[in-house]
Amino acid sequence: MKNFIYLIGASDDFESIDDLKEYYYNDPDMTDVGARCMSVFPVSLSEGCVVQGYNSIEEIATIIGRGEAFYHDWTTDDTISVLLDVDAEAK
């Protein structure tokens, strides 16, 4: 399995992707909920996952993360987002 985290936050609350990532790393369990407007969506895919039209497992994870975010009422307007590779971060 390949594990990712899709982060999305309001651009009013975060200045940059680095700011969003730093906030998540400082509170990965989201115990300080409500302090800044963001959401966390975990995505796990099998290593051999292939979807026609996508060139990498990261692209597939990103589109799944975005879909989850949009399902939970996020939009592309006034937001910033990033996909974190949990497995790479752990090394």
PDB file of N, CA and C in Angstrom:
ATOM      1  N   MET A   1       0.832  -1.188   0.000  1.00  0.00           N
ATOM      2  CA  MET A   1       0.000   0.000   0.000  1.00  0.00           C
ATOM      3  C   MET A   1       0.870   1.242   0.000  1.00  0.00           C
ATOM      4  N   LYS A   2       0.390   2.246  -0.687  1.00  0.00           N
ATOM      5  CA  LYS A   2       1.028   3.556  -0.722  1.00  0.00           C
ATOM      6  C   LYS A   2       0.064   4.512  -0.029  1.00  0.00           C
ATOM      7  N   ASN A   3       0.566   5.271   0.941  1.00  0.00           N
ATOM      8  CA  ASN A   3      -0.279   6.126   1.769  1.00  0.00           C
ATOM      9  C   ASN A   3       0.027   7.599   1.543  1.00  0.00           C
ATOM     10  N   PHE A   4      -1.049   8.359   1.400  1.00  0.00           N
ATOM     11  CA  PHE A   4      -0.951   9.791   1.160  1.00  0.00           C
ATOM     12  C   PHE A   4      -1.899  10.533   2.091  1.00  0.00           C
ATOM     13  N   ILE A   5      -1.648  11.819   2.237  1.00  0.00           N
ATOM     14  CA  ILE A   5      -2.557  12.723   2.926  1.00  0.00           C
ATOM     15  C   ILE A   5      -2.798  13.898   1.978  1.00  0.00           C
ATOM     16  N   TYR A   6      -4.065  14.183   1.702  1.00  0.00           N
ATOM     17  CA  TYR A   6      -4.424  15.353   0.905  1.00  0.00           C
ATOM     18  C   TYR A   6      -4.871  16.439   1.870  1.00  0.00           C
ATOM     19  N   LEU A   7      -4.161  17.562   1.870  1.00  0.00           N
ATOM     20  CA  LEU A   7      -4.488  18.695   2.726  1.00  0.00           C
ATOM     21  C   LEU A   7      -5.106  19.799   1.890  1.00  0.00           C
ATOM     22  N   ILE A   8      -6.137  20.433   2.423  1.00  0.00           N
ATOM     23  CA  ILE A   8      -6.731  21.590   1.770  1.00  0.00           C
ATOM     24  C   ILE A   8      -7.081  22.607   2.849  1.00  0.00           C
ATOM     25  N   GLY A   9      -6.815  23.864   2.558  1.00  0.00           N
ATOM     26  CA  GLY A   9      -7.091  24.923   3.522  1.00  0.00           C
ATOM     27  C   GLY A   9      -7.513  26.205   2.837  1.00  0.00           C
ATOM     28  N   ALA A  10      -8.169  27.049   3.591  1.00  0.00           N
ATOM     29  CA  ALA A  10      -8.623  28.348   3.082  1.00  0.00           C
ATOM     30  C   ALA A  10      -7.422  29.275   2.899  1.00  0.00           C
ATOM     31  N   SER A  11      -7.367  29.921   1.753  1.00  0.00           N
ATOM     32  CA  SER A  11      -6.238  30.824   1.494  1.00  0.00           C
ATOM     33  C   SER A  11      -6.265  32.043   2.415  1.00  0.00           C
ATOM     34  N   ASP A  12      -7.411  32.327   3.047  1.00  0.00           N
ATOM     35  CA  ASP A  12      -7.469  33.394   4.051  1.00  0.00           C
ATOM     36  C   ASP A  12      -6.718  33.002   5.327  1.00  0.00           C
ATOM     37  N   ASP A  13      -6.608  31.695   5.586  1.00  0.00           N
ATOM     38  CA  ASP A  13      -5.962  31.207   6.803  1.00  0.00           C
ATOM     39  C   ASP A  13      -4.517  30.764   6.598  1.00  0.00           C
ATOM     40  N   PHE A  14      -4.141  30.477   5.346  1.00  0.00           N
ATOM     41  CA  PHE A  14      -2.796  29.978   5.060  1.00  0.00           C
ATOM     42  C   PHE A  14      -2.159  30.805   3.961  1.00  0.00           C
ATOM     43  N   GLU A  15      -0.908  31.211   4.200  1.00  0.00           N
ATOM     44  CA  GLU A  15      -0.195  32.044   3.241  1.00  0.00           C
ATOM     45  C   GLU A  15       0.390  31.246   2.084  1.00  0.00           C
ATOM     46  N   SER A  16       0.682  29.961   2.337  1.00  0.00           N
ATOM     47  CA  SER A  16       1.362  29.159   1.326  1.00  0.00           C
ATOM     48  C   SER A  16       1.147  27.673   1.615  1.00  0.00           C
ATOM     49  N   ILE A  17       1.570  26.857   0.670  1.00  0.00           N
ATOM     50  CA  ILE A  17       1.528  25.407   0.879  1.00  0.00           C
ATOM     51  C   ILE A  17       2.432  25.026   2.054  1.00  0.00           C
ATOM     52  N   ASP A  18       3.572  25.672   2.172  1.00  0.00           N
ATOM     53  CA  ASP A  18       4.468  25.387   3.300  1.00  0.00           C
ATOM     54  C   ASP A  18       3.798  25.703   4.633  1.00  0.00           C
ATOM     55  N   ASP A  19       3.051  26.787   4.684  1.00  0.00           N
ATOM     56  CA  ASP A  19       2.309  27.168   5.890  1.00  0.00           C
ATOM     57  C   ASP A  19       1.264  26.100   6.232  1.00  0.00           C
ATOM     58  N   LEU A  20       0.547  25.617   5.222  1.00  0.00           N
ATOM     59  CA  LEU A  20      -0.459  24.569   5.400  1.00  0.00           C
ATOM     60  C   LEU A  20       0.187  23.285   5.922  1.00  0.00           C
ATOM     61  N   LYS A  21       1.299  22.890   5.306  1.00  0.00           N
ATOM     62  CA  LYS A  21       2.008  21.677   5.727  1.00  0.00           C
ATOM     63  C   LYS A  21       2.529  21.807   7.157  1.00  0.00           C
ATOM     64  N   GLU A  22       3.117  22.939   7.479  1.00  0.00           N
ATOM     65  CA  GLU A  22       3.661  23.152   8.818  1.00  0.00           C
ATOM     66  C   GLU A  22       2.552  23.069   9.871  1.00  0.00           C
ATOM     67  N   TYR A  23       1.410  23.662   9.582  1.00  0.00           N
ATOM     68  CA  TYR A  23       0.282  23.607  10.519  1.00  0.00           C
ATOM     69  C   TYR A  23      -0.155  22.164  10.737  1.00  0.00           C
ATOM     70  N   TYR A  24      -0.237  21.392   9.664  1.00  0.00           N
ATOM     71  CA  TYR A  24      -0.610  19.974   9.775  1.00  0.00           C
ATOM     72  C   TYR A  24       0.434  19.195  10.579  1.00  0.00           C
ATOM     73  N   TYR A  25       1.713  19.382  10.270  1.00  0.00           N
ATOM     74  CA  TYR A  25       2.770  18.650  10.975  1.00  0.00           C
ATOM     75  C   TYR A  25       2.792  18.970  12.467  1.00  0.00           C
ATOM     76  N   ASN A  26       2.414  20.179  12.831  1.00  0.00           N
ATOM     77  CA  ASN A  26       2.385  20.567  14.239  1.00  0.00           C
ATOM     78  C   ASN A  26       1.163  20.018  14.965  1.00  0.00           C
ATOM     79  N   ASP A  27       0.138  19.579  14.231  1.00  0.00           N
ATOM     80  CA  ASP A  27      -1.084  19.049  14.849  1.00  0.00           C
ATOM     81  C   ASP A  27      -1.715  17.999  13.932  1.00  0.00           C
ATOM     82  N   PRO A  28      -1.005  16.883  13.653  1.00  0.00           N
ATOM     83  CA  PRO A  28      -1.509  15.899  12.690  1.00  0.00           C
ATOM     84  C   PRO A  28      -2.811  15.216  13.111  1.00  0.00           C
ATOM     85  N   ASP A  29      -3.104  15.208  14.410  1.00  0.00           N
ATOM     86  CA  ASP A  29      -4.351  14.595  14.876  1.00  0.00           C
ATOM     87  C   ASP A  29      -5.513  15.587  14.871  1.00  0.00           C
ATOM     88  N   MET A  30      -5.234  16.818  14.461  1.00  0.00           N
ATOM     89  CA  MET A  30      -6.247  17.872  14.361  1.00  0.00           C
ATOM     90  C   MET A  30      -6.939  18.108  15.703  1.00  0.00           C
ATOM     91  N   THR A  31      -6.164  18.180  16.778  1.00  0.00           N
ATOM     92  CA  THR A  31      -6.740  18.445  18.095  1.00  0.00           C
ATOM     93  C   THR A  31      -7.067  19.921  18.289  1.00  0.00           C
ATOM     94  N   ASP A  32      -6.469  20.781  17.481  1.00  0.00           N
ATOM     95  CA  ASP A  32      -6.718  22.223  17.558  1.00  0.00           C
ATOM     96  C   ASP A  32      -7.728  22.622  16.478  1.00  0.00           C
ATOM     97  N   VAL A  33      -8.780  21.822  16.345  1.00  0.00           N
ATOM     98  CA  VAL A  33      -9.785  22.032  15.297  1.00  0.00           C
ATOM     99  C   VAL A  33     -10.431  23.402  15.461  1.00  0.00           C
ATOM    100  N   GLY A  34     -10.598  24.065  14.351  1.00  0.00           N
ATOM    101  CA  GLY A  34     -11.268  25.351  14.349  1.00  0.00           C
ATOM    102  C   GLY A  34     -10.331  26.535  14.402  1.00  0.00           C
ATOM    103  N   ALA A  35      -9.072  26.292  14.765  1.00  0.00           N
ATOM    104  CA  ALA A  35      -8.135  27.395  14.844  1.00  0.00           C
ATOM    105  C   ALA A  35      -7.879  27.992  13.457  1.00  0.00           C
ATOM    106  N   ARG A  36      -7.737  27.134  12.463  1.00  0.00           N
ATOM    107  CA  ARG A  36      -7.569  27.562  11.079  1.00  0.00           C
ATOM    108  C   ARG A  36      -8.388  26.610  10.218  1.00  0.00           C
ATOM    109  N   CYS A  37      -8.921  27.124   9.141  1.00  0.00           N
ATOM    110  CA  CYS A  37      -9.844  26.360   8.296  1.00  0.00           C
ATOM    111  C   CYS A  37      -9.076  25.446   7.331  1.00  0.00           C
ATOM    112  N   MET A  38      -9.097  24.138   7.646  1.00  0.00           N
ATOM    113  CA  MET A  38      -8.432  23.156   6.798  1.00  0.00           C
ATOM    114  C   MET A  38      -9.078  21.794   6.997  1.00  0.00           C
ATOM    115  N   SER A  39      -8.819  20.900   6.064  1.00  0.00           N
ATOM    116  CA  SER A  39      -9.278  19.517   6.188  1.00  0.00           C
ATOM    117  C   SER A  39      -8.161  18.583   5.736  1.00  0.00           C
ATOM    118  N   VAL A  40      -8.221  17.350   6.250  1.00  0.00           N
ATOM    119  CA  VAL A  40      -7.229  16.325   5.985  1.00  0.00           C
ATOM    120  C   VAL A  40      -7.959  15.102   5.437  1.00  0.00           C
ATOM    121  N   PHE A  41      -7.500  14.594   4.287  1.00  0.00           N
ATOM    122  CA  PHE A  41      -8.115  13.425   3.669  1.00  0.00           C
ATOM    123  C   PHE A  41      -7.039  12.381   3.379  1.00  0.00           C
ATOM    124  N   PRO A  42      -7.034  11.270   4.131  1.00  0.00           N
ATOM    125  CA  PRO A  42      -6.085  10.197   3.855  1.00  0.00           C
ATOM    126  C   PRO A  42      -6.488   9.411   2.606  1.00  0.00           C
ATOM    127  N   VAL A  43      -5.507   9.009   1.832  1.00  0.00           N
ATOM    128  CA  VAL A  43      -5.734   8.207   0.626  1.00  0.00           C
ATOM    129  C   VAL A  43      -4.705   7.077   0.624  1.00  0.00           C
ATOM    130  N   SER A  44      -5.169   5.843   0.530  1.00  0.00           N
ATOM    131  CA  SER A  44      -4.276   4.690   0.445  1.00  0.00           C
ATOM    132  C   SER A  44      -4.591   3.915  -0.823  1.00  0.00           C
ATOM    133  N   LEU A  45      -3.551   3.617  -1.591  1.00  0.00           N
ATOM    134  CA  LEU A  45      -3.713   2.907  -2.867  1.00  0.00           C
ATOM    135  C   LEU A  45      -2.713   1.765  -2.938  1.00  0.00           C
ATOM    136  N   SER A  46      -3.100   0.689  -3.606  1.00  0.00           N
ATOM    137  CA  SER A  46      -2.150  -0.402  -3.805  1.00  0.00           C
ATOM    138  C   SER A  46      -1.046   0.072  -4.744  1.00  0.00           C
ATOM    139  N   GLU A  47       0.143  -0.438  -4.537  1.00  0.00           N
ATOM    140  CA  GLU A  47       1.323  -0.012  -5.308  1.00  0.00           C
ATOM    141  C   GLU A  47       1.114  -0.101  -6.821  1.00  0.00           C
ATOM    142  N   GLY A  48       0.397  -1.104  -7.270  1.00  0.00           N
ATOM    143  CA  GLY A  48       0.204  -1.311  -8.703  1.00  0.00           C
ATOM    144  C   GLY A  48      -1.033  -0.638  -9.269  1.00  0.00           C
ATOM    145  N   CYS A  49      -1.610   0.284  -8.529  1.00  0.00           N
ATOM    146  CA  CYS A  49      -2.843   0.951  -8.966  1.00  0.00           C
ATOM    147  C   CYS A  49      -2.612   1.715 -10.278  1.00  0.00           C
ATOM    148  N   VAL A  50      -3.461   1.445 -11.245  1.00  0.00           N
ATOM    149  CA  VAL A  50      -3.369   2.096 -12.548  1.00  0.00           C
ATOM    150  C   VAL A  50      -4.771   2.570 -12.945  1.00  0.00           C
ATOM    151  N   VAL A  51      -4.862   3.805 -13.389  1.00  0.00           N
ATOM    152  CA  VAL A  51      -6.110   4.351 -13.903  1.00  0.00           C
ATOM    153  C   VAL A  51      -5.778   5.030 -15.227  1.00  0.00           C
ATOM    154  N   GLN A  52      -6.481   4.637 -16.263  1.00  0.00           N
ATOM    155  CA  GLN A  52      -6.223   5.202 -17.585  1.00  0.00           C
ATOM    156  C   GLN A  52      -6.374   6.720 -17.537  1.00  0.00           C
ATOM    157  N   GLY A  53      -5.426   7.404 -18.129  1.00  0.00           N
ATOM    158  CA  GLY A  53      -5.447   8.864 -18.169  1.00  0.00           C
ATOM    159  C   GLY A  53      -4.585   9.519 -17.103  1.00  0.00           C
ATOM    160  N   TYR A  54      -4.073   8.715 -16.166  1.00  0.00           N
ATOM    161  CA  TYR A  54      -3.202   9.236 -15.115  1.00  0.00           C
ATOM    162  C   TYR A  54      -1.848   8.553 -15.220  1.00  0.00           C
ATOM    163  N   ASN A  55      -0.784   9.335 -15.059  1.00  0.00           N
ATOM    164  CA  ASN A  55       0.560   8.823 -15.287  1.00  0.00           C
ATOM    165  C   ASN A  55       1.260   8.283 -14.045  1.00  0.00           C
ATOM    166  N   SER A  56       0.704   8.549 -12.864  1.00  0.00           N
ATOM    167  CA  SER A  56       1.386   8.100 -11.646  1.00  0.00           C
ATOM    168  C   SER A  56       0.373   7.857 -10.536  1.00  0.00           C
ATOM    169  N   ILE A  57       0.818   7.133  -9.541  1.00  0.00           N
ATOM    170  CA  ILE A  57      -0.034   6.867  -8.388  1.00  0.00           C
ATOM    171  C   ILE A  57      -0.307   8.171  -7.624  1.00  0.00           C
ATOM    172  N   GLU A  58       0.642   9.115  -7.674  1.00  0.00           N
ATOM    173  CA  GLU A  58       0.449  10.413  -7.026  1.00  0.00           C
ATOM    174  C   GLU A  58      -0.683  11.196  -7.689  1.00  0.00           C
ATOM    175  N   GLU A  59      -0.760  11.138  -9.019  1.00  0.00           N
ATOM    176  CA  GLU A  59      -1.858  11.814  -9.726  1.00  0.00           C
ATOM    177  C   GLU A  59      -3.203  11.209  -9.343  1.00  0.00           C
ATOM    178  N   ILE A  60      -3.254   9.895  -9.222  1.00  0.00           N
ATOM    179  CA  ILE A  60      -4.492   9.210  -8.834  1.00  0.00           C
ATOM    180  C   ILE A  60      -4.878   9.609  -7.408  1.00  0.00           C
ATOM    181  N   ALA A  61      -3.912   9.615  -6.501  1.00  0.00           N
ATOM    182  CA  ALA A  61      -4.177   9.999  -5.117  1.00  0.00           C
ATOM    183  C   ALA A  61      -4.651  11.445  -5.030  1.00  0.00           C
ATOM    184  N   THR A  62      -4.067  12.322  -5.833  1.00  0.00           N
ATOM    185  CA  THR A  62      -4.476  13.730  -5.837  1.00  0.00           C
ATOM    186  C   THR A  62      -5.923  13.879  -6.273  1.00  0.00           C
ATOM    187  N   ILE A  63      -6.317  13.207  -7.335  1.00  0.00           N
ATOM    188  CA  ILE A  63      -7.680  13.346  -7.834  1.00  0.00           C
ATOM    189  C   ILE A  63      -8.688  12.748  -6.849  1.00  0.00           C
ATOM    190  N   ILE A  64      -8.308  11.675  -6.160  1.00  0.00           N
ATOM    191  CA  ILE A  64      -9.178  11.097  -5.128  1.00  0.00           C
ATOM    192  C   ILE A  64      -9.292  12.072  -3.946  1.00  0.00           C
ATOM    193  N   GLY A  65      -8.169  12.629  -3.527  1.00  0.00           N
ATOM    194  CA  GLY A  65      -8.182  13.608  -2.433  1.00  0.00           C
ATOM    195  C   GLY A  65      -9.036  14.814  -2.767  1.00  0.00           C
ATOM    196  N   ARG A  66      -8.895  15.323  -3.985  1.00  0.00           N
ATOM    197  CA  ARG A  66      -9.723  16.464  -4.414  1.00  0.00           C
ATOM    198  C   ARG A  66     -11.197  16.091  -4.423  1.00  0.00           C
ATOM    199  N   GLY A  67     -11.488  14.893  -4.909  1.00  0.00           N
ATOM    200  CA  GLY A  67     -12.880  14.440  -4.928  1.00  0.00           C
ATOM    201  C   GLY A  67     -13.461  14.386  -3.531  1.00  0.00           C
ATOM    202  N   GLU A  68     -12.693  13.867  -2.590  1.00  0.00           N
ATOM    203  CA  GLU A  68     -13.142  13.830  -1.197  1.00  0.00           C
ATOM    204  C   GLU A  68     -13.364  15.248  -0.664  1.00  0.00           C
ATOM    205  N   ALA A  69     -12.424  16.136  -0.967  1.00  0.00           N
ATOM    206  CA  ALA A  69     -12.548  17.523  -0.509  1.00  0.00           C
ATOM    207  C   ALA A  69     -13.794  18.182  -1.105  1.00  0.00           C
ATOM    208  N   PHE A  70     -14.010  18.014  -2.391  1.00  0.00           N
ATOM    209  CA  PHE A  70     -15.167  18.639  -3.039  1.00  0.00           C
ATOM    210  C   PHE A  70     -16.465  18.041  -2.525  1.00  0.00           C
ATOM    211  N   TYR A  71     -16.457  16.747  -2.230  1.00  0.00           N
ATOM    212  CA  TYR A  71     -17.633  16.097  -1.649  1.00  0.00           C
ATOM    213  C   TYR A  71     -17.970  16.713  -0.284  1.00  0.00           C
ATOM    214  N   HIS A  72     -16.927  17.168   0.420  1.00  0.00           N
ATOM    215  CA  HIS A  72     -17.114  17.785   1.732  1.00  0.00           C
ATOM    216  C   HIS A  72     -17.168  19.313   1.625  1.00  0.00           C
ATOM    217  N   ASP A  73     -17.667  19.803   0.499  1.00  0.00           N
ATOM    218  CA  ASP A  73     -17.985  21.228   0.268  1.00  0.00           C
ATOM    219  C   ASP A  73     -16.802  22.173   0.078  1.00  0.00           C
ATOM    220  N   TRP A  74     -15.603  21.645  -0.145  1.00  0.00           N
ATOM    221  CA  TRP A  74     -14.490  22.502  -0.519  1.00  0.00           C
ATOM    222  C   TRP A  74     -14.603  22.812  -2.012  1.00  0.00           C
ATOM    223  N   THR A  75     -13.974  23.885  -2.447  1.00  0.00           N
ATOM    224  CA  THR A  75     -13.918  24.241  -3.865  1.00  0.00           C
ATOM    225  C   THR A  75     -12.479  24.628  -4.203  1.00  0.00           C
ATOM    226  N   THR A  76     -12.236  24.921  -5.470  1.00  0.00           N
ATOM    227  CA  THR A  76     -10.909  25.395  -5.856  1.00  0.00           C
ATOM    228  C   THR A  76     -10.762  26.901  -5.595  1.00  0.00           C
ATOM    229  N   ASP A  77     -11.878  27.576  -5.388  1.00  0.00           N
ATOM    230  CA  ASP A  77     -11.836  29.022  -5.133  1.00  0.00           C
ATOM    231  C   ASP A  77     -11.296  29.300  -3.736  1.00  0.00           C
ATOM    232  N   ASP A  78     -10.313  30.166  -3.666  1.00  0.00           N
ATOM    233  CA  ASP A  78      -9.766  30.644  -2.391  1.00  0.00           C
ATOM    234  C   ASP A  78      -9.258  29.530  -1.473  1.00  0.00           C
ATOM    235  N   THR A  79      -8.669  28.491  -2.061  1.00  0.00           N
ATOM    236  CA  THR A  79      -8.084  27.414  -1.271  1.00  0.00           C
ATOM    237  C   THR A  79      -6.680  27.103  -1.780  1.00  0.00           C
ATOM    238  N   ILE A  80      -5.914  26.469  -0.929  1.00  0.00           N
ATOM    239  CA  ILE A  80      -4.631  25.897  -1.335  1.00  0.00           C
ATOM    240  C   ILE A  80      -4.634  24.443  -0.882  1.00  0.00           C
ATOM    241  N   SER A  81      -3.935  23.605  -1.619  1.00  0.00           N
ATOM    242  CA  SER A  81      -3.931  22.189  -1.280  1.00  0.00           C
ATOM    243  C   SER A  81      -2.607  21.557  -1.690  1.00  0.00           C
ATOM    244  N   VAL A  82      -2.367  20.393  -1.075  1.00  0.00           N
ATOM    245  CA  VAL A  82      -1.131  19.670  -1.367  1.00  0.00           C
ATOM    246  C   VAL A  82      -1.333  18.203  -1.017  1.00  0.00           C
ATOM    247  N   LEU A  83      -0.655  17.344  -1.756  1.00  0.00           N
ATOM    248  CA  LEU A  83      -0.647  15.912  -1.473  1.00  0.00           C
ATOM    249  C   LEU A  83       0.675  15.573  -0.792  1.00  0.00           C
ATOM    250  N   LEU A  84       0.588  14.934   0.370  1.00  0.00           N
ATOM    251  CA  LEU A  84       1.783  14.485   1.091  1.00  0.00           C
ATOM    252  C   LEU A  84       1.939  12.986   0.908  1.00  0.00           C
ATOM    253  N   ASP A  85       3.139  12.549   0.623  1.00  0.00           N
ATOM    254  CA  ASP A  85       3.449  11.128   0.524  1.00  0.00           C
ATOM    255  C   ASP A  85       3.877  10.666   1.909  1.00  0.00           C
ATOM    256  N   VAL A  86       2.964  10.041   2.636  1.00  0.00           N
ATOM    257  CA  VAL A  86       3.217   9.633   4.020  1.00  0.00           C
ATOM    258  C   VAL A  86       4.390   8.672   4.106  1.00  0.00           C
ATOM    259  N   ASP A  87       4.495   7.751   3.160  1.00  0.00           N
ATOM    260  CA  ASP A  87       5.572   6.771   3.184  1.00  0.00           C
ATOM    261  C   ASP A  87       6.938   7.438   2.996  1.00  0.00           C
ATOM    262  N   ALA A  88       7.024   8.404   2.113  1.00  0.00           N
ATOM    263  CA  ALA A  88       8.286   9.115   1.875  1.00  0.00           C
ATOM    264  C   ALA A  88       8.646   9.986   3.082  1.00  0.00           C
ATOM    265  N   GLU A  89       7.633  10.568   3.714  1.00  0.00           N
ATOM    266  CA  GLU A  89       7.862  11.435   4.876  1.00  0.00           C
ATOM    267  C   GLU A  89       8.397  10.623   6.054  1.00  0.00           C
ATOM    268  N   ALA A  90       8.001   9.354   6.148  1.00  0.00           N
ATOM    269  CA  ALA A  90       8.386   8.505   7.277  1.00  0.00           C
ATOM    270  C   ALA A  90       9.859   8.065   7.201  1.00  0.00           C
ATOM    271  N   LYS A  91      10.444   8.142   6.011  1.00  0.00           N
ATOM    272  CA  LYS A  91      11.828   7.678   5.818  1.00  0.00           C
ATOM    273  C   LYS A  91      12.831   8.683   6.319  1.00  0.00           C
TER     274      LYS A  91
END
